[in-house]
């Protein structure tokens, strides 16, 4: 309720504090038809405040007869000092103007309706007040339309403000995305620079790898050859090879003996299908040839398998003797 009262007061202030250009057609001076014996009335056209009602201020001029306050109030309110019921018909008067009566009066008697100057001035004042009221109504209507338009504009302004806030939020999000994008672009640029550096150093690294491989080949060819020669010319290698050969021969014969021992009947190669006596001789000869070709120094010991390894390795073959380089 209090908000409605405040809106009404603000609307009234908006109406009455407007410029007085809409009321400029009303004369501010008293009418020329006023008689000198009657008080003249001037209309106050100043803007009226919201907390008071518009009023008409009377101004008096020197007259021959004093004016009663009750008569003045009656004239201000649009009435007369004489009640309307006491108006009379007269044939004429020096202080009044006569007008012909209307057709609905009696045809035989043609009386004249006499209106005094005071009543005419009051009618003129009434017309002025009516015109002022019409102008005020027009102003109120126009201001009402403007107020409605302002209300609609305020609603549109609120809607536009909401849209603006949403757009601001979107722009802030996009600004955050822009910052992230800039950071990613900087990272990509740094990675591209690092890639360019790696591509520039790749040929150098390949060249270094080739050089290292070449150096390794030379080192291996020299070191391995030297190690092999040292192993071949050492006594330990001869002992190891002798043990390996003796163990292989002994193991092969042992496996053959086990197979023969597991047989129920006496083993006879002649009853084996597809066996010929020449196979044994060929096999034995092939084994002997292989052993002789591989280790010629074992030739004299192959026939006697029961010889001890110590006796076998006690004699060092000439091929395993360490070569002593000459001074020349």
C-alpha atoms as a PDB file:
ATOM      1  CA  UNK A   1       0.000   0.000   0.000  1.00  0.00           C
ATOM      2  CA  UNK A   2       2.809   2.379   0.836  1.00  0.00           C
ATOM      3  CA  UNK A   3       4.472   1.677  -2.513  1.00  0.00           C
ATOM      4  CA  UNK A   4       1.228   2.512  -4.352  1.00  0.00           C
ATOM      5  CA  UNK A   5       0.969   5.831  -2.482  1.00  0.00           C
ATOM      6  CA  UNK A   6       4.565   6.680  -3.361  1.00  0.00           C
ATOM      7  CA  UNK A   7       3.938   5.867  -7.027  1.00  0.00           C
ATOM      8  CA  UNK A   8       0.806   8.045  -7.040  1.00  0.00           C
ATOM      9  CA  UNK A   9       2.645  10.979  -5.445  1.00  0.00           C
ATOM     10  CA  UNK A  10       5.531  10.645  -7.918  1.00  0.00           C
ATOM     11  CA  UNK A  11       3.043  10.558 -10.795  1.00  0.00           C
ATOM     12  CA  UNK A  12       1.304  13.711  -9.539  1.00  0.00           C
ATOM     13  CA  UNK A  13       4.622  15.482  -9.178  1.00  0.00           C
ATOM     14  CA  UNK A  14       5.492  14.363 -12.696  1.00  0.00           C
ATOM     15  CA  UNK A  15       2.233  15.871 -13.981  1.00  0.00           C
ATOM     16  CA  UNK A  16       2.220  19.204 -12.143  1.00  0.00           C
ATOM     17  CA  UNK A  17       5.901  19.999 -12.389  1.00  0.00           C
ATOM     18  CA  UNK A  18       5.845  19.939 -16.187  1.00  0.00           C
ATOM     19  CA  UNK A  19       6.438  23.192 -18.016  1.00  0.00           C
ATOM     20  CA  UNK A  20       3.441  25.439 -18.511  1.00  0.00           C
ATOM     21  CA  UNK A  21       3.744  25.541 -22.281  1.00  0.00           C
ATOM     22  CA  UNK A  22       0.534  23.513 -22.694  1.00  0.00           C
ATOM     23  CA  UNK A  23      -1.494  26.304 -20.935  1.00  0.00           C
ATOM     24  CA  UNK A  24      -0.064  29.312 -22.728  1.00  0.00           C
ATOM     25  CA  UNK A  25      -3.225  29.903 -24.736  1.00  0.00           C
ATOM     26  CA  UNK A  26      -5.132  30.919 -21.566  1.00  0.00           C
ATOM     27  CA  UNK A  27      -4.989  34.692 -20.851  1.00  0.00           C
ATOM     28  CA  UNK A  28      -3.414  35.602 -17.573  1.00  0.00           C
ATOM     29  CA  UNK A  29      -5.112  39.058 -17.374  1.00  0.00           C
ATOM     30  CA  UNK A  30      -8.726  39.661 -16.422  1.00  0.00           C
ATOM     31  CA  UNK A  31     -11.388  39.803 -19.088  1.00  0.00           C
ATOM     32  CA  UNK A  32     -12.070  43.176 -20.753  1.00  0.00           C
ATOM     33  CA  UNK A  33     -15.778  42.608 -20.449  1.00  0.00           C
ATOM     34  CA  UNK A  34     -15.559  42.771 -16.669  1.00  0.00           C
ATOM     35  CA  UNK A  35     -17.328  45.781 -15.247  1.00  0.00           C
ATOM     36  CA  UNK A  36     -15.444  48.254 -13.113  1.00  0.00           C
ATOM     37  CA  UNK A  37     -17.935  47.758 -10.356  1.00  0.00           C
ATOM     38  CA  UNK A  38     -17.283  44.025 -10.147  1.00  0.00           C
ATOM     39  CA  UNK A  39     -14.154  42.291  -8.891  1.00  0.00           C
ATOM     40  CA  UNK A  40     -11.817  40.962 -11.564  1.00  0.00           C
ATOM     41  CA  UNK A  41     -10.441  37.474 -11.271  1.00  0.00           C
ATOM     42  CA  UNK A  42      -7.036  36.348 -12.527  1.00  0.00           C
ATOM     43  CA  UNK A  43      -6.199  32.694 -13.057  1.00  0.00           C
ATOM     44  CA  UNK A  44      -3.056  31.353 -11.455  1.00  0.00           C
ATOM     45  CA  UNK A  45      -1.209  29.362 -14.122  1.00  0.00           C
ATOM     46  CA  UNK A  46       1.792  28.524 -11.979  1.00  0.00           C
ATOM     47  CA  UNK A  47       2.518  24.795 -11.494  1.00  0.00           C
ATOM     48  CA  UNK A  48       0.573  23.364  -8.615  1.00  0.00           C
ATOM     49  CA  UNK A  49       2.351  21.326  -6.019  1.00  0.00           C
ATOM     50  CA  UNK A  50       1.400  17.712  -5.471  1.00  0.00           C
ATOM     51  CA  UNK A  51       0.230  18.260  -1.890  1.00  0.00           C
ATOM     52  CA  UNK A  52      -2.330  20.972  -2.666  1.00  0.00           C
ATOM     53  CA  UNK A  53      -5.202  21.473  -5.077  1.00  0.00           C
ATOM     54  CA  UNK A  54      -5.238  24.135  -7.792  1.00  0.00           C
ATOM     55  CA  UNK A  55      -7.035  27.286  -6.669  1.00  0.00           C
ATOM     56  CA  UNK A  56      -8.169  30.531  -8.261  1.00  0.00           C
ATOM     57  CA  UNK A  57      -6.910  33.661  -6.562  1.00  0.00           C
ATOM     58  CA  UNK A  58      -9.264  36.682  -6.705  1.00  0.00           C
ATOM     59  CA  UNK A  59      -7.915  40.200  -7.203  1.00  0.00           C
ATOM     60  CA  UNK A  60     -10.076  43.232  -6.421  1.00  0.00           C
ATOM     61  CA  UNK A  61     -10.026  46.621  -8.086  1.00  0.00           C
ATOM     62  CA  UNK A  62     -11.466  49.859  -6.738  1.00  0.00           C
ATOM     63  CA  UNK A  63     -15.224  49.680  -6.960  1.00  0.00           C
ATOM     64  CA  UNK A  64     -18.073  51.820  -5.918  1.00  0.00           C
ATOM     65  CA  UNK A  65     -19.642  49.135  -3.802  1.00  0.00           C
ATOM     66  CA  UNK A  66     -17.926  46.838  -1.269  1.00  0.00           C
ATOM     67  CA  UNK A  67     -17.757  43.150  -2.127  1.00  0.00           C
ATOM     68  CA  UNK A  68     -18.921  40.640   0.397  1.00  0.00           C
ATOM     69  CA  UNK A  69     -16.684  37.670   1.153  1.00  0.00           C
ATOM     70  CA  UNK A  70     -19.596  35.298   0.765  1.00  0.00           C
ATOM     71  CA  UNK A  71     -20.276  36.673  -2.712  1.00  0.00           C
ATOM     72  CA  UNK A  72     -16.614  36.308  -3.626  1.00  0.00           C
ATOM     73  CA  UNK A  73     -16.587  32.658  -2.566  1.00  0.00           C
ATOM     74  CA  UNK A  74     -19.700  32.039  -4.582  1.00  0.00           C
ATOM     75  CA  UNK A  75     -18.130  33.594  -7.653  1.00  0.00           C
ATOM     76  CA  UNK A  76     -14.929  31.633  -7.212  1.00  0.00           C
ATOM     77  CA  UNK A  77     -16.845  28.360  -7.012  1.00  0.00           C
ATOM     78  CA  UNK A  78     -18.731  29.137 -10.216  1.00  0.00           C
ATOM     79  CA  UNK A  79     -21.923  30.429  -8.588  1.00  0.00           C
ATOM     80  CA  UNK A  80     -23.360  33.880  -7.980  1.00  0.00           C
ATOM     81  CA  UNK A  81     -24.330  36.038  -5.056  1.00  0.00           C
ATOM     82  CA  UNK A  82     -27.905  35.570  -6.086  1.00  0.00           C
ATOM     83  CA  UNK A  83     -29.219  32.049  -6.241  1.00  0.00           C
ATOM     84  CA  UNK A  84     -30.141  30.859  -9.749  1.00  0.00           C
ATOM     85  CA  UNK A  85     -33.769  30.485  -8.722  1.00  0.00           C
ATOM     86  CA  UNK A  86     -34.016  34.213  -8.083  1.00  0.00           C
ATOM     87  CA  UNK A  87     -33.085  35.235 -11.599  1.00  0.00           C
ATOM     88  CA  UNK A  88     -35.825  37.425 -13.064  1.00  0.00           C
ATOM     89  CA  UNK A  89     -37.022  38.581 -16.410  1.00  0.00           C
ATOM     90  CA  UNK A  90     -36.660  42.292 -17.101  1.00  0.00           C
ATOM     91  CA  UNK A  91     -37.477  44.530 -20.010  1.00  0.00           C
ATOM     92  CA  UNK A  92     -34.081  46.089 -19.936  1.00  0.00           C
ATOM     93  CA  UNK A  93     -31.407  47.619 -17.745  1.00  0.00           C
ATOM     94  CA  UNK A  94     -28.451  49.926 -18.096  1.00  0.00           C
ATOM     95  CA  UNK A  95     -26.077  47.379 -16.495  1.00  0.00           C
ATOM     96  CA  UNK A  96     -27.208  44.297 -18.348  1.00  0.00           C
ATOM     97  CA  UNK A  97     -27.371  42.978 -21.857  1.00  0.00           C
ATOM     98  CA  UNK A  98     -30.535  41.489 -23.260  1.00  0.00           C
ATOM     99  CA  UNK A  99     -30.797  38.468 -25.463  1.00  0.00           C
ATOM    100  CA  UNK A 100     -33.946  37.118 -27.098  1.00  0.00           C
ATOM    101  CA  UNK A 101     -35.680  34.255 -25.382  1.00  0.00           C
ATOM    102  CA  UNK A 102     -35.983  30.828 -27.004  1.00  0.00           C
ATOM    103  CA  UNK A 103     -38.942  29.639 -29.110  1.00  0.00           C
ATOM    104  CA  UNK A 104     -40.454  27.517 -26.388  1.00  0.00           C
ATOM    105  CA  UNK A 105     -41.659  30.659 -24.531  1.00  0.00           C
ATOM    106  CA  UNK A 106     -45.163  32.088 -25.002  1.00  0.00           C
ATOM    107  CA  UNK A 107     -45.566  33.719 -28.414  1.00  0.00           C
ATOM    108  CA  UNK A 108     -47.791  36.614 -27.237  1.00  0.00           C
ATOM    109  CA  UNK A 109     -45.462  37.715 -24.503  1.00  0.00           C
ATOM    110  CA  UNK A 110     -41.838  38.049 -25.653  1.00  0.00           C
ATOM    111  CA  UNK A 111     -39.898  38.602 -22.451  1.00  0.00           C
ATOM    112  CA  UNK A 112     -36.130  39.042 -22.479  1.00  0.00           C
ATOM    113  CA  UNK A 113     -33.783  36.878 -20.354  1.00  0.00           C
ATOM    114  CA  UNK A 114     -31.588  39.260 -18.474  1.00  0.00           C
ATOM    115  CA  UNK A 115     -28.093  38.065 -17.425  1.00  0.00           C
ATOM    116  CA  UNK A 116     -26.096  40.336 -15.249  1.00  0.00           C
ATOM    117  CA  UNK A 117     -22.451  41.110 -15.852  1.00  0.00           C
ATOM    118  CA  UNK A 118     -21.488  39.160 -12.753  1.00  0.00           C
ATOM    119  CA  UNK A 119     -23.215  36.031 -14.022  1.00  0.00           C
ATOM    120  CA  UNK A 120     -21.639  36.438 -17.457  1.00  0.00           C
ATOM    121  CA  UNK A 121     -18.212  36.820 -15.941  1.00  0.00           C
ATOM    122  CA  UNK A 122     -18.810  33.754 -13.820  1.00  0.00           C
ATOM    123  CA  UNK A 123     -19.876  31.827 -16.907  1.00  0.00           C
ATOM    124  CA  UNK A 124     -16.735  33.001 -18.637  1.00  0.00           C
ATOM    125  CA  UNK A 125     -14.751  31.890 -15.614  1.00  0.00           C
ATOM    126  CA  UNK A 126     -16.514  28.534 -15.694  1.00  0.00           C
ATOM    127  CA  UNK A 127     -15.613  28.136 -19.341  1.00  0.00           C
ATOM    128  CA  UNK A 128     -12.030  28.965 -18.546  1.00  0.00           C
ATOM    129  CA  UNK A 129     -11.952  26.445 -15.712  1.00  0.00           C
ATOM    130  CA  UNK A 130     -13.544  23.826 -17.958  1.00  0.00           C
ATOM    131  CA  UNK A 131     -10.948  24.524 -20.626  1.00  0.00           C
ATOM    132  CA  UNK A 132      -8.205  24.301 -18.034  1.00  0.00           C
ATOM    133  CA  UNK A 133      -9.635  21.009 -16.794  1.00  0.00           C
ATOM    134  CA  UNK A 134      -9.715  19.684 -20.370  1.00  0.00           C
ATOM    135  CA  UNK A 135      -6.115  20.717 -20.888  1.00  0.00           C
ATOM    136  CA  UNK A 136      -5.115  19.098 -17.604  1.00  0.00           C
ATOM    137  CA  UNK A 137      -6.961  15.938 -18.628  1.00  0.00           C
ATOM    138  CA  UNK A 138      -5.125  15.931 -21.939  1.00  0.00           C
ATOM    139  CA  UNK A 139      -1.820  16.428 -20.155  1.00  0.00           C
ATOM    140  CA  UNK A 140      -2.684  13.637 -17.725  1.00  0.00           C
ATOM    141  CA  UNK A 141      -3.617  11.349 -20.583  1.00  0.00           C
ATOM    142  CA  UNK A 142      -0.424  12.156 -22.430  1.00  0.00           C
ATOM    143  CA  UNK A 143       1.650  11.710 -19.306  1.00  0.00           C
ATOM    144  CA  UNK A 144      -0.140   8.426 -18.627  1.00  0.00           C
ATOM    145  CA  UNK A 145       0.771   7.221 -22.108  1.00  0.00           C
ATOM    146  CA  UNK A 146       4.334   8.359 -21.555  1.00  0.00           C
ATOM    147  CA  UNK A 147       4.391   6.621 -18.184  1.00  0.00           C
ATOM    148  CA  UNK A 148       3.119   3.399 -19.755  1.00  0.00           C
ATOM    149  CA  UNK A 149       5.727   3.736 -22.456  1.00  0.00           C
ATOM    150  CA  UNK A 150       8.376   4.313 -19.808  1.00  0.00           C
ATOM    151  CA  UNK A 151       7.152   1.213 -17.959  1.00  0.00           C
ATOM    152  CA  UNK A 152       7.439  -0.852 -21.141  1.00  0.00           C
ATOM    153  CA  UNK A 153      10.861   0.663 -21.796  1.00  0.00           C
ATOM    154  CA  UNK A 154      11.884  -0.197 -18.230  1.00  0.00           C
ATOM    155  CA  UNK A 155      10.779  -3.810 -18.791  1.00  0.00           C
ATOM    156  CA  UNK A 156      12.716  -3.908 -22.051  1.00  0.00           C
ATOM    157  CA  UNK A 157      15.687  -2.366 -20.273  1.00  0.00           C
ATOM    158  CA  UNK A 158      15.553  -5.119 -17.631  1.00  0.00           C
ATOM    159  CA  UNK A 159      15.347  -7.763 -20.350  1.00  0.00           C
ATOM    160  CA  UNK A 160      18.254  -6.216 -22.231  1.00  0.00           C
ATOM    161  CA  UNK A 161      20.215  -6.014 -18.997  1.00  0.00           C
ATOM    162  CA  UNK A 162      19.624  -9.721 -18.391  1.00  0.00           C
ATOM    163  CA  UNK A 163      20.755 -10.484 -21.930  1.00  0.00           C
ATOM    164  CA  UNK A 164      23.792  -8.280 -21.370  1.00  0.00           C
ATOM    165  CA  UNK A 165      24.659 -10.142 -18.168  1.00  0.00           C
ATOM    166  CA  UNK A 166      24.406 -13.472 -19.980  1.00  0.00           C
ATOM    167  CA  UNK A 167      26.575 -12.154 -22.787  1.00  0.00           C
ATOM    168  CA  UNK A 168      29.102 -10.902 -20.229  1.00  0.00           C
ATOM    169  CA  UNK A 169      29.218 -14.358 -18.625  1.00  0.00           C
ATOM    170  CA  UNK A 170      29.706 -15.947 -22.041  1.00  0.00           C
ATOM    171  CA  UNK A 171      32.431 -13.444 -22.856  1.00  0.00           C
ATOM    172  CA  UNK A 172      34.143 -14.245 -19.555  1.00  0.00           C
ATOM    173  CA  UNK A 173      33.996 -17.960 -20.386  1.00  0.00           C
ATOM    174  CA  UNK A 174      35.378 -17.264 -23.828  1.00  0.00           C
ATOM    175  CA  UNK A 175      38.109 -15.143 -22.266  1.00  0.00           C
ATOM    176  CA  UNK A 176      39.039 -18.110 -20.048  1.00  0.00           C
ATOM    177  CA  UNK A 177      39.052 -20.351 -23.109  1.00  0.00           C
ATOM    178  CA  UNK A 178      41.200 -17.778 -24.872  1.00  0.00           C
ATOM    179  CA  UNK A 179      43.724 -17.836 -22.023  1.00  0.00           C
ATOM    180  CA  UNK A 180      43.842 -21.644 -22.137  1.00  0.00           C
ATOM    181  CA  UNK A 181      44.212 -21.535 -25.908  1.00  0.00           C
ATOM    182  CA  UNK A 182      47.073 -19.064 -25.629  1.00  0.00           C
ATOM    183  CA  UNK A 183      48.797 -21.302 -23.075  1.00  0.00           C
ATOM    184  CA  UNK A 184      48.388 -24.328 -25.353  1.00  0.00           C
ATOM    185  CA  UNK A 185      49.679 -22.345 -28.310  1.00  0.00           C
ATOM    186  CA  UNK A 186      52.748 -21.330 -26.313  1.00  0.00           C
ATOM    187  CA  UNK A 187      53.346 -24.983 -25.354  1.00  0.00           C
ATOM    188  CA  UNK A 188      52.952 -26.063 -28.977  1.00  0.00           C
ATOM    189  CA  UNK A 189      55.401 -23.372 -30.053  1.00  0.00           C
ATOM    190  CA  UNK A 190      57.946 -24.528 -27.468  1.00  0.00           C
ATOM    191  CA  UNK A 191      57.496 -28.163 -28.555  1.00  0.00           C
ATOM    192  CA  UNK A 192      57.959 -27.182 -32.186  1.00  0.00           C
ATOM    193  CA  UNK A 193      61.158 -25.335 -31.288  1.00  0.00           C
ATOM    194  CA  UNK A 194      62.399 -28.379 -29.380  1.00  0.00           C
ATOM    195  CA  UNK A 195      61.493 -30.591 -32.345  1.00  0.00           C
ATOM    196  CA  UNK A 196      63.479 -28.320 -34.659  1.00  0.00           C
ATOM    197  CA  UNK A 197      66.474 -28.543 -32.315  1.00  0.00           C
ATOM    198  CA  UNK A 198      66.216 -32.338 -32.195  1.00  0.00           C
ATOM    199  CA  UNK A 199      65.958 -32.517 -35.966  1.00  0.00           C
ATOM    200  CA  UNK A 200      69.051 -30.343 -36.210  1.00  0.00           C
ATOM    201  CA  UNK A 201      71.003 -32.546 -33.772  1.00  0.00           C
ATOM    202  CA  UNK A 202      69.783 -35.850 -35.268  1.00  0.00           C
ATOM    203  CA  UNK A 203      72.417 -35.979 -38.068  1.00  0.00           C
ATOM    204  CA  UNK A 204      75.150 -35.244 -35.546  1.00  0.00           C
ATOM    205  CA  UNK A 205      73.930 -38.046 -33.296  1.00  0.00           C
ATOM    206  CA  UNK A 206      73.781 -40.461 -36.221  1.00  0.00           C
ATOM    207  CA  UNK A 207      77.327 -39.541 -37.171  1.00  0.00           C
ATOM    208  CA  UNK A 208      78.455 -40.114 -33.601  1.00  0.00           C
ATOM    209  CA  UNK A 209      76.690 -43.503 -33.548  1.00  0.00           C
ATOM    210  CA  UNK A 210      78.442 -44.520 -36.744  1.00  0.00           C
ATOM    211  CA  UNK A 211      81.785 -43.497 -35.300  1.00  0.00           C
ATOM    212  CA  UNK A 212      81.108 -45.436 -32.106  1.00  0.00           C
ATOM    213  CA  UNK A 213      80.117 -48.534 -34.091  1.00  0.00           C
ATOM    214  CA  UNK A 214      83.278 -48.298 -36.122  1.00  0.00           C
ATOM    215  CA  UNK A 215      85.345 -47.900 -32.988  1.00  0.00           C
ATOM    216  CA  UNK A 216      83.551 -50.869 -31.449  1.00  0.00           C
ATOM    217  CA  UNK A 217      84.273 -53.013 -34.470  1.00  0.00           C
ATOM    218  CA  UNK A 218      87.912 -52.138 -34.293  1.00  0.00           C
ATOM    219  CA  UNK A 219      87.996 -52.770 -30.566  1.00  0.00           C
ATOM    220  CA  UNK A 220      86.205 -56.108 -30.877  1.00  0.00           C
ATOM    221  CA  UNK A 221      88.351 -57.205 -33.772  1.00  0.00           C
ATOM    222  CA  UNK A 222      91.463 -56.421 -31.813  1.00  0.00           C
ATOM    223  CA  UNK A 223      90.392 -57.516 -28.350  1.00  0.00           C
ATOM    224  CA  UNK A 224      88.559 -60.692 -29.354  1.00  0.00           C
ATOM    225  CA  UNK A 225      91.352 -61.779 -31.609  1.00  0.00           C
ATOM    226  CA  UNK A 226      93.823 -61.215 -28.843  1.00  0.00           C
ATOM    227  CA  UNK A 227      91.607 -63.061 -26.347  1.00  0.00           C
ATOM    228  CA  UNK A 228      91.172 -65.990 -28.718  1.00  0.00           C
ATOM    229  CA  UNK A 229      94.861 -66.210 -29.326  1.00  0.00           C
ATOM    230  CA  UNK A 230      95.536 -66.076 -25.617  1.00  0.00           C
ATOM    231  CA  UNK A 231      93.006 -68.825 -24.986  1.00  0.00           C
ATOM    232  CA  UNK A 232      94.383 -70.998 -27.751  1.00  0.00           C
ATOM    233  CA  UNK A 233      97.941 -70.626 -26.586  1.00  0.00           C
ATOM    234  CA  UNK A 234      97.144 -71.166 -22.940  1.00  0.00           C
ATOM    235  CA  UNK A 235      97.477 -74.541 -21.174  1.00  0.00           C
ATOM    236  CA  UNK A 236      94.042 -74.231 -19.608  1.00  0.00           C
ATOM    237  CA  UNK A 237      92.252 -74.344 -22.963  1.00  0.00           C
ATOM    238  CA  UNK A 238      94.044 -77.552 -23.896  1.00  0.00           C
ATOM    239  CA  UNK A 239      93.008 -79.242 -20.683  1.00  0.00           C
ATOM    240  CA  UNK A 240      89.404 -78.123 -21.113  1.00  0.00           C
ATOM    241  CA  UNK A 241      89.207 -79.408 -24.688  1.00  0.00           C
ATOM    242  CA  UNK A 242      90.739 -82.748 -23.721  1.00  0.00           C
ATOM    243  CA  UNK A 243      88.286 -83.236 -20.900  1.00  0.00           C
ATOM    244  CA  UNK A 244      85.397 -82.350 -23.167  1.00  0.00           C
ATOM    245  CA  UNK A 245      86.380 -84.873 -25.845  1.00  0.00           C
ATOM    246  CA  UNK A 246      87.019 -87.656 -23.363  1.00  0.00           C
ATOM    247  CA  UNK A 247      83.756 -87.012 -21.592  1.00  0.00           C
ATOM    248  CA  UNK A 248      81.807 -87.042 -24.853  1.00  0.00           C
ATOM    249  CA  UNK A 249      83.284 -90.370 -25.937  1.00  0.00           C
ATOM    250  CA  UNK A 250      82.721 -91.939 -22.557  1.00  0.00           C
ATOM    251  CA  UNK A 251      79.135 -90.685 -22.333  1.00  0.00           C
ATOM    252  CA  UNK A 252      78.251 -91.981 -25.798  1.00  0.00           C
ATOM    253  CA  UNK A 253      79.567 -95.422 -25.032  1.00  0.00           C
ATOM    254  CA  UNK A 254      77.838 -95.495 -21.687  1.00  0.00           C
ATOM    255  CA  UNK A 255      74.466 -94.732 -23.273  1.00  0.00           C
ATOM    256  CA  UNK A 256      75.015 -97.516 -25.762  1.00  0.00           C
ATOM    257  CA  UNK A 257      75.862 -99.960 -22.979  1.00  0.00           C
ATOM    258  CA  UNK A 258      72.672 -99.027 -21.120  1.00  0.00           C
ATOM    259  CA  UNK A 259      70.533 -99.700 -24.172  1.00  0.00           C
ATOM    260  CA  UNK A 260      72.147-103.082 -24.643  1.00  0.00           C
ATOM    261  CA  UNK A 261      71.688-103.915 -20.954  1.00  0.00           C
ATOM    262  CA  UNK A 262      67.966-103.219 -21.075  1.00  0.00           C
ATOM    263  CA  UNK A 263      67.463-105.715 -23.894  1.00  0.00           C
ATOM    264  CA  UNK A 264      66.047-109.122 -22.854  1.00  0.00           C
ATOM    265  CA  UNK A 265      67.732-111.033 -25.585  1.00  0.00           C
ATOM    266  CA  UNK A 266      71.376-110.812 -26.428  1.00  0.00           C
ATOM    267  CA  UNK A 267      72.082-107.962 -28.740  1.00  0.00           C
ATOM    268  CA  UNK A 268      72.938-109.011 -32.218  1.00  0.00           C
ATOM    269  CA  UNK A 269      73.327-106.466 -34.940  1.00  0.00           C
ATOM    270  CA  UNK A 270      72.897-109.066 -37.600  1.00  0.00           C
ATOM    271  CA  UNK A 271      69.232-109.558 -36.796  1.00  0.00           C
ATOM    272  CA  UNK A 272      68.463-105.833 -37.021  1.00  0.00           C
ATOM    273  CA  UNK A 273      66.376-105.143 -40.112  1.00  0.00           C
ATOM    274  CA  UNK A 274      68.323-103.321 -42.772  1.00  0.00           C
ATOM    275  CA  UNK A 275      71.637-103.757 -41.010  1.00  0.00           C
ATOM    276  CA  UNK A 276      74.706-104.790 -42.875  1.00  0.00           C
ATOM    277  CA  UNK A 277      78.079-105.644 -41.378  1.00  0.00           C
ATOM    278  CA  UNK A 278      79.650-102.992 -43.455  1.00  0.00           C
ATOM    279  CA  UNK A 279      77.692-100.307 -41.523  1.00  0.00           C
ATOM    280  CA  UNK A 280      79.665-100.940 -38.350  1.00  0.00           C
ATOM    281  CA  UNK A 281      82.950-100.674 -40.119  1.00  0.00           C
ATOM    282  CA  UNK A 282      81.849 -97.536 -41.956  1.00  0.00           C
ATOM    283  CA  UNK A 283      80.527 -95.953 -38.786  1.00  0.00           C
ATOM    284  CA  UNK A 284      83.656 -96.707 -36.864  1.00  0.00           C
ATOM    285  CA  UNK A 285      85.831 -95.466 -39.650  1.00  0.00           C
ATOM    286  CA  UNK A 286      83.770 -92.257 -40.016  1.00  0.00           C
ATOM    287  CA  UNK A 287      84.026 -91.581 -36.305  1.00  0.00           C
ATOM    288  CA  UNK A 288      87.724 -92.144 -36.325  1.00  0.00           C
ATOM    289  CA  UNK A 289      88.204 -89.948 -39.363  1.00  0.00           C
ATOM    290  CA  UNK A 290      86.184 -87.161 -37.773  1.00  0.00           C
ATOM    291  CA  UNK A 291      88.116 -87.314 -34.562  1.00  0.00           C
ATOM    292  CA  UNK A 292      91.393 -87.460 -36.433  1.00  0.00           C
ATOM    293  CA  UNK A 293      90.472 -84.537 -38.676  1.00  0.00           C
ATOM    294  CA  UNK A 294      89.278 -82.455 -35.758  1.00  0.00           C
ATOM    295  CA  UNK A 295      91.866 -83.338 -33.198  1.00  0.00           C
ATOM    296  CA  UNK A 296      94.745 -85.066 -34.871  1.00  0.00           C
ATOM    297  CA  UNK A 297      96.677 -85.278 -31.672  1.00  0.00           C
ATOM    298  CA  UNK A 298      93.924 -87.501 -30.186  1.00  0.00           C
ATOM    299  CA  UNK A 299      94.415 -90.151 -32.820  1.00  0.00           C
ATOM    300  CA  UNK A 300      96.742 -92.220 -30.741  1.00  0.00           C
ATOM    301  CA  UNK A 301      94.420 -92.116 -27.745  1.00  0.00           C
ATOM    302  CA  UNK A 302      91.070 -92.840 -29.383  1.00  0.00           C
ATOM    303  CA  UNK A 303      91.728 -96.533 -29.617  1.00  0.00           C
ATOM    304  CA  UNK A 304      92.262 -96.762 -25.874  1.00  0.00           C
ATOM    305  CA  UNK A 305      89.181 -95.211 -24.263  1.00  0.00           C
ATOM    306  CA  UNK A 306      90.066 -96.437 -20.822  1.00  0.00           C
ATOM    307  CA  UNK A 307      93.155 -94.268 -20.710  1.00  0.00           C
ATOM    308  CA  UNK A 308      93.023 -91.679 -17.995  1.00  0.00           C
ATOM    309  CA  UNK A 309      92.423 -88.052 -18.799  1.00  0.00           C
ATOM    310  CA  UNK A 310      95.583 -87.121 -16.942  1.00  0.00           C
ATOM    311  CA  UNK A 311      97.610 -89.324 -19.230  1.00  0.00           C
ATOM    312  CA  UNK A 312      95.750 -87.889 -22.204  1.00  0.00           C
ATOM    313  CA  UNK A 313      96.426 -84.303 -21.252  1.00  0.00           C
ATOM    314  CA  UNK A 314      99.919 -84.875 -19.956  1.00  0.00           C
ATOM    315  CA  UNK A 315     101.225 -84.562 -23.450  1.00  0.00           C
ATOM    316  CA  UNK A 316     100.617 -81.154 -24.926  1.00  0.00           C
ATOM    317  CA  UNK A 317     100.031 -81.238 -28.695  1.00  0.00           C
ATOM    318  CA  UNK A 318     102.206 -79.015 -30.900  1.00  0.00           C
ATOM    319  CA  UNK A 319      99.187 -77.078 -32.189  1.00  0.00           C
ATOM    320  CA  UNK A 320      98.411 -75.811 -28.707  1.00  0.00           C
ATOM    321  CA  UNK A 321     101.911 -74.710 -27.967  1.00  0.00           C
ATOM    322  CA  UNK A 322     102.132 -70.979 -27.425  1.00  0.00           C
ATOM    323  CA  UNK A 323     103.629 -69.182 -30.346  1.00  0.00           C
ATOM    324  CA  UNK A 324     106.538 -67.011 -29.433  1.00  0.00           C
ATOM    325  CA  UNK A 325     106.955 -64.143 -31.883  1.00  0.00           C
ATOM    326  CA  UNK A 326     110.419 -63.662 -33.203  1.00  0.00           C
ATOM    327  CA  UNK A 327     112.318 -60.493 -32.788  1.00  0.00           C
ATOM    328  CA  UNK A 328     112.496 -59.986 -36.532  1.00  0.00           C
END
